[in-house]
Amino acid sequence: MKAFYSLILMLAACALSAQQKHPDPKQNIERLLRNVAGNIMQNTSYRIVDTETGKLYASSESLPVKSGYRPASPYNEWIYENGVLNIGFMALASQLRDATYSDYAKKNVSFAFDHDAFFKKLYDAKTGDTGMEQKYRLALLDDCGAMGAGVLAVYAIDAQKRYRAYLDSAAYYVMHKEKRLKDGTFSRIVPYDMTVWADDLYMSVPFLARMGALTGDVRYFDEAARQVILFNEHLWDERHELFYHAWYDDIGQNGVAHWGRCNGWVVMAQVELLAQLPADHPQRAELLQLFLRQIVGYSRYQDASGLWHQLLDKPDTYLETSVSAMFTYAIAKGVNEGWIDERYEYVAAQGWEGVAIRILADGQVEGICMGTGISTAVSYYANRPTPLNDIHGLGAILLAGSEMLKLYAKGIPFLW
């Protein structure tokens, strides 16, 4: 009998420990998200800096056309990770019912268009890196896809004509001018011709899906669905149940790496498409199966910390924050929308716990891999630096936390 009571006490202690592991999720998650967003807003200046003198300018109207000018804050640059960031701020505003965050996204998008004439002159004059040249280059999906999706998110609440003109131009590029393989798969010409990067699914599909929702033109949905299916054909590794980072069409081979964040881009793209796709679209069922297949695959590689590794199938590589946030977001969103079974919520809950540990008291985030190209050397991926508060993971963290708030509001149990 004494042994029985000892067992009961031990089980009770374990239950209490598990409960203590989970502080009030709404309060804790909201606090972390506000810290992350607050740090970003505090460091967004909406100014132009002359890098040669350090002088800041609020207006660009009288500035000379010369090298050295760029946005003073990296959050104001026209780079794909800021497109994700703007979408994250819009999601946070919706979840917390706080216009502070949607106002930030609106102001951030407006900055690029307020100074459009000046930065276009710099681009035409070939003055060098301004942090804005991708807006005018339109030579890669990086230039317009993710930023375009961010503009579309803002356009839903701030439908300015200048935004629509840009969106139509970007849509024409993606649909008619982007490089493709013979089967129609989006591809890059750098660093090797006709190479498929997993990243490009996110650099195209969210934009196409949102354009479809905006215009009602089914061609955008059809193209987005087609790309998801084609990328799965070229990049999915059936044995490891993960995506390769690249496919080299000229030699008919995949790259060497199951890089974390590229797998994150793929699943984030699928989330965006499913969220916008009409319920009666003929390929919806197939897309849902591909979405679930990826989630099941990467769930098997989750570390006990809740995080995932830089190279998903190589536990000797470091635990990386951005992919962990992306995977957490996709699962939480999938459960919240009813696309996948609710039992996967535990993977998301553990994923968020891992991500939360990486968020510092001042809202900065550790462990985010910097921008990464493709390589045939695994060591290239394994040794990528993780600068403090790298923008590549911040939007995904805002998205993941917003979906986790919804998930906990639905009543996810604390114990498992």
Protein backbone atom coordinates (compact mmCIF):
# COMPACT_ATOMS: atom_id res chain seq x y z
CA MET A 1 0.00 0.00 0.00
CA LYS A 2 2.86 2.32 0.91
CA ALA A 3 4.41 1.71 -2.52
CA PHE A 4 1.06 2.49 -4.12
CA TYR A 5 0.81 5.89 -2.40
CA SER A 6 4.42 6.62 -3.29
CA LEU A 7 3.56 5.96 -6.93
CA ILE A 8 0.55 8.27 -6.74
CA LEU A 9 2.66 11.05 -5.22
CA MET A 10 5.31 10.60 -7.88
CA LEU A 11 2.74 10.82 -10.68
CA ALA A 12 1.21 13.91 -9.09
CA ALA A 13 4.64 15.52 -8.90
CA CYS A 14 5.27 14.75 -12.55
CA ALA A 15 1.92 16.25 -13.49
CA LEU A 16 2.66 19.37 -11.45
CA SER A 17 6.07 19.65 -13.09
CA ALA A 18 4.50 19.37 -16.54
CA GLN A 19 1.94 22.02 -15.67
CA GLN A 20 4.64 24.34 -14.37
CA LYS A 21 6.46 23.91 -17.64
CA HIS A 22 3.60 25.73 -19.31
CA PRO A 23 2.93 29.20 -17.88
CA ASP A 24 -0.28 30.94 -18.89
CA PRO A 25 0.16 30.53 -22.67
CA LYS A 26 -1.86 33.59 -23.67
CA GLN A 27 0.02 35.92 -21.36
CA ASN A 28 3.41 34.40 -22.07
CA ILE A 29 3.08 34.22 -25.87
CA GLU A 30 1.56 37.68 -26.16
CA ARG A 31 4.34 39.18 -24.06
CA LEU A 32 7.02 37.55 -26.20
CA LEU A 33 5.39 38.66 -29.44
CA ARG A 34 5.01 42.22 -28.25
CA ASN A 35 8.67 42.23 -27.23
CA VAL A 36 9.81 40.98 -30.63
CA ALA A 37 7.58 43.39 -32.53
CA GLY A 38 8.45 46.26 -30.20
CA ASN A 39 12.16 45.82 -30.77
CA ILE A 40 11.62 45.88 -34.53
CA MET A 41 9.45 49.00 -34.40
CA GLN A 42 11.93 50.76 -32.13
CA ASN A 43 14.67 50.15 -34.68
CA THR A 44 12.72 51.19 -37.77
CA SER A 45 13.58 54.79 -38.53
CA TYR A 46 11.84 55.53 -41.86
CA ARG A 47 14.88 57.62 -42.74
CA ILE A 48 17.48 57.57 -45.51
CA VAL A 49 21.12 57.62 -44.50
CA ASP A 50 24.12 58.94 -46.38
CA THR A 51 26.53 56.16 -45.45
CA GLU A 52 29.49 58.39 -46.25
CA THR A 53 28.54 61.12 -43.76
CA GLY A 54 26.07 59.36 -41.47
CA LYS A 55 23.51 62.13 -41.99
CA LEU A 56 19.83 61.12 -41.90
CA TYR A 57 17.08 62.44 -44.16
CA ALA A 58 13.30 62.15 -43.82
CA SER A 59 12.73 63.38 -47.38
CA SER A 60 14.47 62.27 -50.57
CA GLU A 61 13.16 65.00 -52.85
CA SER A 62 16.29 67.17 -52.86
CA LEU A 63 18.93 64.46 -52.48
CA PRO A 64 21.55 64.20 -55.25
CA VAL A 65 21.89 61.07 -57.34
CA LYS A 66 25.08 59.54 -55.99
CA SER A 67 26.23 56.37 -54.28
CA GLY A 68 25.98 55.89 -50.53
CA TYR A 69 22.28 56.45 -49.92
CA ARG A 70 20.14 53.67 -48.49
CA PRO A 71 17.43 53.16 -45.85
CA ALA A 72 18.88 53.77 -42.41
CA SER A 73 17.00 50.77 -41.03
CA PRO A 74 17.28 47.29 -42.57
CA TYR A 75 13.56 46.84 -41.87
CA ASN A 76 12.82 49.47 -44.54
CA GLU A 77 14.81 47.74 -47.28
CA TRP A 78 13.18 46.00 -50.25
CA ILE A 79 14.27 42.47 -49.36
CA TYR A 80 12.18 39.33 -49.28
CA GLU A 81 12.48 38.76 -45.54
CA ASN A 82 10.78 42.10 -44.93
CA GLY A 83 7.82 40.88 -46.97
CA VAL A 84 7.42 38.03 -44.49
CA LEU A 85 7.87 40.51 -41.66
CA ASN A 86 5.03 42.72 -42.93
CA ILE A 87 2.74 39.68 -43.20
CA GLY A 88 3.72 38.73 -39.65
CA PHE A 89 2.83 42.19 -38.36
CA MET A 90 -0.55 42.01 -40.10
CA ALA A 91 -1.25 38.62 -38.52
CA LEU A 92 -0.24 39.94 -35.10
CA ALA A 93 -2.52 42.95 -35.46
CA SER A 94 -5.43 40.67 -36.33
CA GLN A 95 -4.79 38.24 -33.50
CA LEU A 96 -4.25 40.87 -30.78
CA ARG A 97 -6.81 43.29 -32.25
CA ASP A 98 -4.16 45.99 -32.05
CA ALA A 99 -3.83 48.39 -34.97
CA THR A 100 -0.36 49.39 -33.77
CA TYR A 101 1.02 46.45 -35.71
CA SER A 102 -0.99 46.86 -38.92
CA ASP A 103 -0.07 50.56 -38.86
CA TYR A 104 3.58 49.51 -38.76
CA ALA A 105 3.17 47.31 -41.83
CA LYS A 106 1.29 50.07 -43.65
CA LYS A 107 4.01 52.61 -42.86
CA ASN A 108 6.75 50.16 -43.79
CA VAL A 109 5.24 49.46 -47.22
CA SER A 110 4.52 53.14 -47.76
CA PHE A 111 8.19 54.02 -47.18
CA ALA A 112 9.32 52.17 -50.32
CA PHE A 113 6.73 53.94 -52.46
CA ASP A 114 7.19 57.37 -50.86
CA HIS A 115 10.83 57.32 -51.97
CA ASP A 116 10.27 55.40 -55.19
CA ALA A 117 11.36 58.17 -57.57
CA PHE A 118 14.66 58.73 -55.76
CA PHE A 119 15.66 55.09 -55.47
CA LYS A 120 14.67 54.47 -59.09
CA LYS A 121 17.06 57.25 -60.13
CA LEU A 122 19.83 55.62 -58.10
CA TYR A 123 19.08 52.26 -59.72
CA ASP A 124 19.10 53.72 -63.23
CA ALA A 125 22.38 55.50 -62.47
CA LYS A 126 23.92 52.21 -61.28
CA THR A 127 25.11 53.76 -58.02
CA GLY A 128 25.49 50.35 -56.36
CA ASP A 129 23.78 48.66 -53.43
CA THR A 130 20.98 50.79 -52.01
CA GLY A 131 18.92 48.11 -50.28
CA MET A 132 16.08 48.98 -52.70
CA GLU A 133 17.35 47.90 -56.12
CA GLN A 134 15.40 44.63 -56.15
CA LYS A 135 12.18 46.63 -56.46
CA TYR A 136 13.29 47.72 -59.93
CA ARG A 137 15.43 44.81 -61.04
CA LEU A 138 12.71 42.15 -61.46
CA ALA A 139 15.15 39.44 -62.46
CA LEU A 140 14.45 36.88 -59.73
CA LEU A 141 11.47 35.80 -57.68
CA ASP A 142 13.39 37.18 -54.70
CA ASP A 143 12.83 40.63 -56.14
CA CYS A 144 9.05 40.64 -56.00
CA GLY A 145 7.42 37.50 -54.61
CA ALA A 146 7.66 37.79 -50.84
CA MET A 147 7.69 41.59 -50.82
CA GLY A 148 4.74 41.54 -53.21
CA ALA A 149 2.85 39.25 -50.85
CA GLY A 150 3.57 41.71 -48.05
CA VAL A 151 2.26 44.58 -50.17
CA LEU A 152 -0.87 42.52 -50.89
CA ALA A 153 -1.41 41.96 -47.16
CA VAL A 154 -1.31 45.72 -46.62
CA TYR A 155 -3.31 46.47 -49.77
CA ALA A 156 -6.25 44.62 -48.20
CA ILE A 157 -6.60 47.49 -45.70
CA ASP A 158 -4.90 50.30 -47.64
CA ALA A 159 -5.78 49.97 -51.32
CA GLN A 160 -3.56 52.62 -52.87
CA LYS A 161 -3.35 52.90 -56.66
CA ARG A 162 0.43 52.99 -56.60
CA TYR A 163 0.46 49.63 -54.81
CA ARG A 164 -1.89 48.07 -57.34
CA ALA A 165 0.24 49.28 -60.24
CA TYR A 166 3.27 47.59 -58.71
CA LEU A 167 1.35 44.40 -57.96
CA ASP A 168 0.12 44.12 -61.54
CA SER A 169 3.67 44.61 -62.82
CA ALA A 170 5.08 41.99 -60.45
CA ALA A 171 2.31 39.56 -61.36
CA TYR A 172 3.13 39.92 -65.05
CA TYR A 173 6.77 39.15 -64.32
CA VAL A 174 6.01 36.05 -62.26
CA MET A 175 3.45 34.66 -64.69
CA HIS A 176 5.20 35.47 -67.97
CA LYS A 177 8.88 36.31 -67.54
CA GLU A 178 10.30 34.22 -64.69
CA LYS A 179 12.73 31.52 -65.83
CA ARG A 180 11.36 27.97 -65.95
CA LEU A 181 12.41 24.43 -66.68
CA LYS A 182 10.89 22.73 -69.70
CA ASP A 183 8.09 21.33 -67.50
CA GLY A 184 7.24 24.82 -66.24
CA THR A 185 8.97 24.72 -62.85
CA PHE A 186 10.29 28.08 -61.69
CA SER A 187 14.08 28.08 -61.83
CA ARG A 188 17.11 30.30 -61.34
CA ILE A 189 19.99 31.09 -63.63
CA VAL A 190 22.44 31.83 -60.79
CA PRO A 191 24.78 30.45 -59.64
CA TYR A 192 23.96 27.68 -62.14
CA ASP A 193 21.54 27.84 -65.03
CA MET A 194 18.16 26.12 -64.66
CA THR A 195 18.44 25.34 -60.96
CA VAL A 196 15.38 24.89 -58.74
CA TRP A 197 15.66 26.33 -55.22
CA ALA A 198 13.16 25.21 -52.59
CA ASP A 199 13.13 28.81 -51.32
CA ASP A 200 11.45 29.94 -54.52
CA LEU A 201 8.21 28.23 -53.66
CA TYR A 202 7.71 30.88 -50.98
CA MET A 203 9.07 33.59 -53.27
CA SER A 204 6.22 32.88 -55.69
CA VAL A 205 3.25 30.95 -54.32
CA PRO A 206 2.08 33.31 -51.51
CA PHE A 207 2.11 36.19 -53.98
CA LEU A 208 0.21 34.21 -56.60
CA ALA A 209 -2.32 32.97 -54.05
CA ARG A 210 -2.99 36.46 -52.74
CA MET A 211 -3.29 37.83 -56.28
CA GLY A 212 -5.82 35.12 -56.98
CA ALA A 213 -7.82 36.14 -53.93
CA LEU A 214 -7.60 39.82 -54.87
CA THR A 215 -8.54 39.48 -58.53
CA GLY A 216 -10.66 36.32 -58.54
CA ASP A 217 -8.56 35.15 -61.49
CA VAL A 218 -8.25 31.38 -61.20
CA ARG A 219 -5.08 31.39 -63.29
CA TYR A 220 -3.12 32.58 -60.26
CA PHE A 221 -4.42 29.72 -58.14
CA ASP A 222 -3.77 27.21 -60.90
CA GLU A 223 -0.18 28.39 -61.34
CA ALA A 224 0.46 28.35 -57.58
CA ALA A 225 -0.93 24.81 -57.27
CA ARG A 226 1.10 23.71 -60.28
CA GLN A 227 4.32 25.00 -58.74
CA VAL A 228 3.70 23.25 -55.42
CA ILE A 229 3.22 19.96 -57.24
CA LEU A 230 6.25 20.48 -59.49
CA PHE A 231 8.53 21.46 -56.60
CA ASN A 232 7.46 18.31 -54.78
CA GLU A 233 8.37 16.27 -57.85
CA HIS A 234 11.84 17.79 -58.15
CA LEU A 235 12.87 18.26 -54.52
CA TRP A 236 11.11 15.70 -52.32
CA ASP A 237 13.37 12.99 -50.90
CA GLU A 238 11.14 9.98 -50.34
CA ARG A 239 13.70 8.13 -48.22
CA HIS A 240 14.29 10.92 -45.71
CA GLU A 241 10.81 12.47 -46.08
CA LEU A 242 12.36 15.91 -46.43
CA PHE A 243 13.03 18.39 -49.22
CA TYR A 244 16.41 18.90 -50.79
CA HIS A 245 17.49 22.50 -51.08
CA ALA A 246 18.14 22.34 -54.81
CA TRP A 247 17.67 20.49 -58.07
CA TYR A 248 20.34 20.91 -60.80
CA ASP A 249 18.45 20.31 -64.00
CA ASP A 250 21.52 20.42 -66.24
CA ILE A 251 23.03 17.36 -64.53
CA GLY A 252 19.77 15.79 -63.33
CA GLN A 253 20.71 15.68 -59.64
CA ASN A 254 19.58 17.06 -56.32
CA GLY A 255 21.83 19.03 -54.03
CA VAL A 256 23.32 17.52 -50.89
CA ALA A 257 21.43 19.29 -48.15
CA HIS A 258 18.10 18.94 -46.37
CA TRP A 259 18.50 22.50 -45.17
CA GLY A 260 16.05 23.49 -42.47
CA ARG A 261 14.86 26.88 -43.64
CA CYS A 262 14.32 25.83 -47.25
CA ASN A 263 11.98 23.13 -45.92
CA GLY A 264 10.35 25.89 -43.91
CA TRP A 265 9.84 28.03 -46.99
CA VAL A 266 8.10 25.13 -48.72
CA VAL A 267 5.61 24.49 -45.94
CA MET A 268 4.98 28.22 -45.41
CA ALA A 269 4.17 28.53 -49.12
CA GLN A 270 1.70 25.66 -48.88
CA VAL A 271 0.03 27.30 -45.88
CA GLU A 272 -0.41 30.55 -47.80
CA LEU A 273 -1.91 28.75 -50.78
CA LEU A 274 -4.32 26.62 -48.75
CA ALA A 275 -5.46 29.71 -46.86
CA GLN A 276 -6.42 31.49 -50.10
CA LEU A 277 -7.40 28.60 -52.37
CA PRO A 278 -11.12 28.20 -53.17
CA ALA A 279 -12.64 25.22 -51.38
CA ASP A 280 -13.73 23.67 -54.69
CA HIS A 281 -10.39 24.00 -56.46
CA PRO A 282 -9.75 20.67 -58.26
CA GLN A 283 -6.26 20.25 -56.79
CA ARG A 284 -7.08 21.13 -53.20
CA ALA A 285 -7.21 17.52 -52.00
CA GLU A 286 -3.83 16.74 -53.56
CA LEU A 287 -2.31 19.87 -52.04
CA LEU A 288 -3.62 18.92 -48.61
CA GLN A 289 -1.99 15.50 -48.93
CA LEU A 290 1.35 17.06 -49.87
CA PHE A 291 1.06 19.43 -46.92
CA LEU A 292 0.39 16.60 -44.48
CA ARG A 293 3.18 14.48 -45.98
CA GLN A 294 5.72 17.18 -45.26
CA ILE A 295 4.49 17.78 -41.72
CA VAL A 296 4.68 14.08 -40.89
CA GLY A 297 8.16 13.96 -42.39
CA TYR A 298 9.72 16.84 -40.54
CA SER A 299 7.96 16.04 -37.25
CA ARG A 300 10.14 12.92 -37.06
CA TYR A 301 13.27 15.09 -36.88
CA GLN A 302 12.22 17.38 -34.02
CA ASP A 303 14.79 17.65 -31.24
CA ALA A 304 13.80 17.06 -27.61
CA SER A 305 14.17 20.82 -27.08
CA GLY A 306 11.31 21.40 -29.51
CA LEU A 307 13.65 22.94 -32.08
CA TRP A 308 14.89 21.55 -35.39
CA HIS A 309 18.46 21.36 -36.64
CA GLN A 310 20.10 23.53 -39.29
CA LEU A 311 20.41 20.38 -41.42
CA LEU A 312 17.27 18.51 -40.46
CA ASP A 313 18.67 15.01 -40.71
CA LYS A 314 22.02 15.84 -39.08
CA PRO A 315 21.70 16.20 -35.30
CA ASP A 316 25.35 17.26 -35.05
CA THR A 317 24.42 20.60 -36.69
CA TYR A 318 23.14 23.44 -34.55
CA LEU A 319 19.52 23.96 -33.52
CA GLU A 320 18.09 26.72 -35.71
CA THR A 321 15.32 29.16 -34.82
CA SER A 322 13.77 30.24 -38.11
CA VAL A 323 12.95 26.75 -39.38
CA SER A 324 11.55 25.88 -35.96
CA ALA A 325 9.24 28.89 -36.10
CA MET A 326 8.19 28.04 -39.66
CA PHE A 327 7.38 24.44 -38.81
CA THR A 328 5.55 25.48 -35.65
CA TYR A 329 3.50 28.02 -37.59
CA ALA A 330 2.54 25.54 -40.31
CA ILE A 331 1.35 22.89 -37.86
CA ALA A 332 -0.54 25.34 -35.66
CA LYS A 333 -2.18 26.90 -38.70
CA GLY A 334 -3.01 23.48 -40.11
CA VAL A 335 -4.72 22.40 -36.89
CA ASN A 336 -6.50 25.72 -36.45
CA GLU A 337 -7.88 25.56 -40.00
CA GLY A 338 -8.82 21.89 -39.76
CA TRP A 339 -6.42 20.85 -42.52
CA ILE A 340 -4.63 18.27 -40.35
CA ASP A 341 -5.55 16.21 -37.30
CA GLU A 342 -5.40 18.01 -33.97
CA ARG A 343 -2.99 15.44 -32.52
CA TYR A 344 -0.16 17.30 -34.30
CA GLU A 345 -0.75 20.26 -31.99
CA TYR A 346 1.70 18.70 -29.55
CA VAL A 347 4.50 19.03 -32.10
CA ALA A 348 3.60 22.69 -32.48
CA ALA A 349 3.44 23.24 -28.73
CA GLN A 350 6.90 21.76 -28.25
CA GLY A 351 8.17 23.76 -31.23
CA TRP A 352 6.95 27.00 -29.71
CA GLU A 353 8.60 26.19 -26.39
CA GLY A 354 11.90 25.82 -28.23
CA VAL A 355 11.45 29.06 -30.15
CA ALA A 356 10.40 30.98 -27.03
CA ILE A 357 13.68 30.12 -25.32
CA ARG A 358 15.51 31.88 -28.14
CA ILE A 359 13.68 35.19 -27.56
CA LEU A 360 15.64 37.50 -25.27
CA ALA A 361 14.11 39.89 -22.74
CA ASP A 362 14.56 42.87 -25.08
CA GLY A 363 12.78 41.09 -27.94
CA GLN A 364 15.86 40.18 -29.94
CA VAL A 365 16.13 36.60 -31.17
CA GLU A 366 19.05 34.21 -31.17
CA GLY A 367 19.92 31.31 -33.44
CA ILE A 368 18.59 32.50 -36.81
CA CYS A 369 20.70 31.42 -39.78
CA MET A 370 21.74 34.28 -42.03
CA GLY A 371 20.86 34.39 -45.72
CA THR A 372 22.06 31.22 -47.45
CA GLY A 373 22.70 30.21 -51.04
CA ILE A 374 23.03 26.70 -52.43
CA SER A 375 26.13 24.56 -52.18
CA THR A 376 27.34 21.05 -52.88
CA ALA A 377 29.22 21.09 -49.55
CA VAL A 378 27.33 20.14 -46.40
CA SER A 379 29.86 22.11 -44.36
CA TYR A 380 28.66 25.32 -46.05
CA TYR A 381 25.26 24.90 -44.41
CA ALA A 382 26.57 23.52 -41.14
CA ASN A 383 28.83 26.53 -40.59
CA ARG A 384 26.47 29.34 -41.54
CA PRO A 385 26.57 32.18 -38.97
CA THR A 386 23.56 33.11 -36.83
CA PRO A 387 23.69 36.90 -36.30
CA LEU A 388 21.62 38.21 -33.41
CA ASN A 389 18.10 39.16 -34.54
CA ASP A 390 18.62 38.23 -38.18
CA ILE A 391 15.51 39.31 -40.08
CA HIS A 392 15.15 35.97 -41.89
CA GLY A 393 13.29 34.45 -38.93
CA LEU A 394 11.42 37.35 -37.35
CA GLY A 395 8.31 37.30 -39.52
CA ALA A 396 7.96 33.55 -39.02
CA ILE A 397 8.14 34.02 -35.24
CA LEU A 398 5.30 36.56 -35.31
CA LEU A 399 3.25 34.19 -37.46
CA ALA A 400 4.00 31.16 -35.29
CA GLY A 401 3.16 32.96 -32.05
CA SER A 402 -0.08 34.35 -33.48
CA GLU A 403 -1.22 30.88 -34.51
CA MET A 404 -0.16 29.40 -31.16
CA LEU A 405 -2.37 31.93 -29.38
CA LYS A 406 -5.28 30.66 -31.48
CA LEU A 407 -4.31 27.07 -30.79
CA TYR A 408 -4.21 27.52 -27.03
CA ALA A 409 -7.49 29.46 -27.16
CA LYS A 410 -9.08 26.32 -28.65
CA GLY A 411 -8.10 24.41 -25.53
CA ILE A 412 -4.90 22.47 -26.21
CA PRO A 413 -4.14 20.38 -23.10
CA PHE A 414 -1.06 21.33 -21.09
CA LEU A 415 -0.16 17.72 -20.42
CA TRP A 416 1.01 15.04 -22.83
